[in-house]
Amino acid sequence: MSSSARLKATAALIAALAIASPARAGSPGAFGYGKPATPAEIAGWNIDVRGKDGAGLPDGKGDVSHGADVFAEQCAICHGTFGEGEGRYPKLMGGEGTLASERPEPSVGSYWPYAPTLFDYIDRAMPLSAPHSLSADDVYALIAYILNFNNIVPADFIADRSSLPKVKMPNRDNFIWKDPRPDTAATACMKDCVDPKTVKIISSAEGKDLTPRTTGPLDTMRGK
């Protein structure tokens, strides 16, 4: 078969497929590819944990001793052995009484209001080199260790979905700010609105050398 004949045959096949399945390709919300997500696939993404009451915490548990081992292996290189921080990486302990000062130190012990939020963040984003790679037991153990070196829980504390929401964080009662702004209404305008038909553009930045070039030496940059 010649190249021209092959091209014609391919075009005819594509046209036939398009005609044979118009319902699927044209149905609302469908583009003719992909498949519905399975419950297991949805569960893999549904990992959020609510801080205030721990809703979403998974099964599992971890103690301070195991947490110290996991922390030394996965976290200490950035956060220090006891959460004191290495280099410019954040501290996880200390900072009590500094939040109202000129140099506040927002750490787990001084700032975070809810212990379950630790699970949400660590499970989702840590360790930095391999986020979401720790087991639930390891994350619970890390939290127990972090809370312990912040003097929030005793050395025999076991973190799980039941005990974690009951932990009273030192700064919990200081999260009292409420947004004073009113809820917005889905209306086009409130009152005394300008008629869009009367709005005219009387000036623009075009041609006024206000936008610098994005290439070339910095010392020779001028407007376009």
Protein backbone atom coordinates (compact mmCIF):
# COMPACT_ATOMS: atom_id res chain seq x y z
CA MET A 1 0.00 0.00 0.00
CA SER A 2 1.37 3.41 -0.96
CA SER A 3 1.89 6.25 1.54
CA SER A 4 -1.05 8.13 0.07
CA ALA A 5 -3.32 5.11 0.42
CA ARG A 6 -2.24 4.56 4.04
CA LEU A 7 -3.01 8.18 4.90
CA LYS A 8 -6.45 7.93 3.34
CA ALA A 9 -7.19 4.68 5.21
CA THR A 10 -6.10 6.21 8.51
CA ALA A 11 -8.26 9.28 7.97
CA ALA A 12 -11.25 7.10 7.14
CA LEU A 13 -10.74 5.03 10.31
CA ILE A 14 -10.56 8.14 12.51
CA ALA A 15 -13.73 9.53 10.94
CA ALA A 16 -15.52 6.22 11.46
CA LEU A 17 -14.56 6.07 15.13
CA ALA A 18 -15.74 9.64 15.69
CA ILE A 19 -19.12 8.84 14.11
CA ALA A 20 -19.49 5.50 15.90
CA SER A 21 -19.18 6.91 19.43
CA PRO A 22 -20.67 10.42 19.49
CA ALA A 23 -22.60 9.84 22.73
CA ARG A 24 -19.49 9.18 24.81
CA ALA A 25 -17.38 11.97 23.35
CA GLY A 26 -20.18 14.50 23.53
CA SER A 27 -21.79 13.58 26.83
CA PRO A 28 -21.67 16.21 29.60
CA GLY A 29 -18.37 16.25 31.45
CA ALA A 30 -16.77 13.52 29.33
CA PHE A 31 -14.04 13.81 26.73
CA GLY A 32 -13.89 10.20 25.63
CA TYR A 33 -10.92 9.22 27.80
CA GLY A 34 -10.08 8.41 31.41
CA LYS A 35 -12.19 6.51 33.92
CA PRO A 36 -14.02 7.24 37.17
CA ALA A 37 -11.77 7.21 40.25
CA THR A 38 -12.16 4.11 42.39
CA PRO A 39 -12.83 4.35 46.15
CA ALA A 40 -9.27 3.16 46.78
CA GLU A 41 -7.82 5.87 44.53
CA ILE A 42 -9.92 8.55 46.22
CA ALA A 43 -8.84 7.27 49.65
CA GLY A 44 -5.21 7.64 48.59
CA TRP A 45 -5.71 11.37 48.14
CA ASN A 46 -8.12 11.87 51.04
CA ILE A 47 -5.44 12.35 53.69
CA ASP A 48 -6.45 15.63 55.33
CA VAL A 49 -6.72 15.75 59.13
CA ARG A 50 -8.76 18.41 60.91
CA GLY A 51 -6.78 20.06 63.68
CA LYS A 52 -9.47 20.93 66.20
CA ASP A 53 -10.95 17.46 66.68
CA GLY A 54 -8.62 15.15 64.75
CA ALA A 55 -11.22 14.11 62.18
CA GLY A 56 -9.44 12.11 59.48
CA LEU A 57 -6.72 10.65 61.69
CA PRO A 58 -5.95 7.07 60.54
CA ASP A 59 -5.50 3.91 62.55
CA GLY A 60 -2.07 3.33 64.07
CA LYS A 61 -0.02 4.41 67.06
CA GLY A 62 3.49 5.42 68.06
CA ASP A 63 5.48 6.09 71.21
CA VAL A 64 8.23 8.52 72.15
CA SER A 65 11.01 5.94 72.01
CA HIS A 66 10.27 4.84 68.47
CA GLY A 67 9.74 8.47 67.49
CA ALA A 68 13.27 9.32 68.62
CA ASP A 69 14.65 6.65 66.28
CA VAL A 70 12.56 7.82 63.31
CA PHE A 71 13.44 11.45 64.02
CA ALA A 72 17.17 10.69 64.11
CA GLU A 73 16.94 8.90 60.77
CA GLN A 74 14.51 11.13 58.88
CA CYS A 75 14.38 14.57 60.52
CA ALA A 76 17.45 15.45 62.59
CA ILE A 77 19.58 16.39 59.58
CA CYS A 78 17.36 19.47 59.11
CA HIS A 79 15.67 20.04 62.47
CA GLY A 80 18.45 19.01 64.86
CA THR A 81 18.47 16.14 67.34
CA PHE A 82 15.96 17.78 69.68
CA GLY A 83 14.22 20.10 67.24
CA GLU A 84 16.64 22.99 67.77
CA GLY A 85 17.00 23.47 64.01
CA GLU A 86 20.03 23.17 61.76
CA GLY A 87 21.19 26.14 59.70
CA ARG A 88 18.14 27.94 58.30
CA TYR A 89 15.79 25.01 58.79
CA PRO A 90 12.93 25.71 61.23
CA LYS A 91 13.05 25.00 64.93
CA LEU A 92 10.47 22.62 66.32
CA MET A 93 10.97 23.50 69.98
CA GLY A 94 11.48 26.56 72.14
CA GLY A 95 10.16 30.05 71.58
CA GLU A 96 7.71 30.11 74.48
CA GLY A 97 6.76 33.68 75.34
CA THR A 98 8.32 35.17 72.20
CA LEU A 99 5.30 35.52 69.92
CA ALA A 100 4.58 39.10 71.00
CA SER A 101 8.23 40.13 70.88
CA GLU A 102 10.20 41.74 68.07
CA ARG A 103 11.76 38.38 67.20
CA PRO A 104 9.03 35.74 67.63
CA GLU A 105 9.98 32.07 67.39
CA PRO A 106 6.93 30.15 66.16
CA SER A 107 7.66 26.51 66.97
CA VAL A 108 5.46 23.49 67.68
CA GLY A 109 5.65 24.24 71.37
CA SER A 110 5.14 27.99 71.18
CA TYR A 111 2.73 28.48 68.29
CA TRP A 112 0.81 25.46 66.97
CA PRO A 113 -2.76 25.33 68.39
CA TYR A 114 -3.69 21.69 67.65
CA ALA A 115 -1.68 18.49 67.90
CA PRO A 116 -3.55 16.62 65.10
CA THR A 117 -2.32 19.27 62.64
CA LEU A 118 1.14 17.78 63.13
CA PHE A 119 -0.09 14.52 61.62
CA ASP A 120 -1.63 16.30 58.64
CA TYR A 121 1.57 18.21 57.88
CA ILE A 122 4.16 15.51 58.59
CA ASP A 123 2.23 12.82 56.72
CA ARG A 124 1.64 15.10 53.74
CA ALA A 125 4.97 16.92 53.39
CA MET A 126 7.77 15.22 55.32
CA PRO A 127 10.52 14.20 55.07
CA LEU A 128 11.47 16.91 52.61
CA SER A 129 13.28 14.48 50.29
CA ALA A 130 10.43 11.93 50.22
CA PRO A 131 7.09 13.43 51.32
CA HIS A 132 4.19 11.12 52.20
CA SER A 133 6.54 8.15 52.51
CA LEU A 134 6.22 7.49 56.26
CA SER A 135 3.83 4.93 57.72
CA ALA A 136 1.03 6.07 60.03
CA ASP A 137 2.81 4.42 62.96
CA ASP A 138 6.02 6.32 62.21
CA VAL A 139 4.16 9.64 61.94
CA TYR A 140 2.38 9.03 65.26
CA ALA A 141 5.72 8.15 66.86
CA LEU A 142 7.34 11.31 65.50
CA ILE A 143 4.53 13.41 66.94
CA ALA A 144 4.90 11.75 70.34
CA TYR A 145 8.64 12.53 70.31
CA ILE A 146 8.16 16.14 69.16
CA LEU A 147 5.49 16.79 71.78
CA ASN A 148 7.69 15.21 74.42
CA PHE A 149 10.80 17.31 73.78
CA ASN A 150 8.51 20.34 73.93
CA ASN A 151 7.46 19.20 77.43
CA ILE A 152 3.83 18.87 76.33
CA VAL A 153 3.41 15.12 76.91
CA PRO A 154 5.23 12.65 79.23
CA ALA A 155 7.80 10.12 78.08
CA ASP A 156 5.27 7.26 78.17
CA PHE A 157 2.78 9.04 75.90
CA ILE A 158 1.38 7.00 73.01
CA ALA A 159 0.02 9.01 70.10
CA ASP A 160 -2.99 7.66 68.22
CA ARG A 161 -6.30 8.86 66.80
CA SER A 162 -7.83 8.92 70.27
CA SER A 163 -5.08 10.52 72.36
CA LEU A 164 -3.84 13.17 69.91
CA PRO A 165 -6.99 15.37 69.84
CA LYS A 166 -6.94 15.43 73.65
CA VAL A 167 -3.50 17.04 73.83
CA LYS A 168 -3.76 20.65 75.04
CA MET A 169 -1.20 22.70 73.12
CA PRO A 170 0.33 25.66 75.05
CA ASN A 171 -0.86 28.28 72.56
CA ARG A 172 -4.30 26.82 71.85
CA ASP A 173 -6.34 29.43 73.72
CA ASN A 174 -4.58 32.34 72.02
CA PHE A 175 -6.09 31.64 68.60
CA ILE A 176 -9.05 33.93 69.22
CA TRP A 177 -8.96 36.25 66.21
CA LYS A 178 -12.13 36.33 64.14
CA ASP A 179 -12.35 37.70 60.63
CA PRO A 180 -14.34 40.96 60.92
CA ARG A 181 -15.16 41.07 57.22
CA PRO A 182 -18.75 40.19 56.33
CA ASP A 183 -19.61 37.27 54.10
CA THR A 184 -19.86 38.31 50.48
CA ALA A 185 -23.09 38.05 48.51
CA ALA A 186 -23.24 36.70 44.98
CA THR A 187 -24.79 39.84 43.57
CA ALA A 188 -23.54 41.87 40.64
CA CYS A 189 -23.49 45.13 42.56
CA MET A 190 -24.57 46.70 45.83
CA LYS A 191 -25.78 50.20 44.86
CA ASP A 192 -24.73 53.29 42.92
CA CYS A 193 -22.76 51.13 40.51
CA VAL A 194 -21.26 52.50 37.29
CA ASP A 195 -22.91 51.36 34.10
CA PRO A 196 -20.25 49.26 32.30
CA LYS A 197 -21.34 50.75 28.99
CA THR A 198 -20.22 54.19 30.13
CA VAL A 199 -16.71 53.11 31.19
CA LYS A 200 -13.99 54.29 28.82
CA ILE A 201 -10.24 53.68 28.84
CA ILE A 202 -8.55 57.07 28.83
CA SER A 203 -4.96 55.97 29.42
CA SER A 204 -2.78 52.85 29.25
CA ALA A 205 0.84 51.85 29.88
CA GLU A 206 1.36 50.85 26.27
CA GLY A 207 4.24 52.68 24.63
CA LYS A 208 5.36 54.44 27.80
CA ASP A 209 8.45 52.32 28.57
CA LEU A 210 7.01 51.12 31.87
CA THR A 211 7.66 47.41 31.33
CA PRO A 212 11.36 46.42 31.50
CA ARG A 213 12.87 43.82 29.24
CA THR A 214 13.30 40.39 30.78
CA THR A 215 16.46 39.47 28.91
CA GLY A 216 19.90 40.97 28.60
CA PRO A 217 22.29 42.58 31.12
CA LEU A 218 20.63 44.18 34.10
CA ASP A 219 22.53 47.45 33.71
CA THR A 220 21.21 48.03 30.19
CA MET A 221 17.57 47.14 30.76
CA ARG A 222 15.11 49.68 29.49
CA GLY A 223 11.45 49.67 28.74
CA LYS A 224 10.22 47.79 25.72
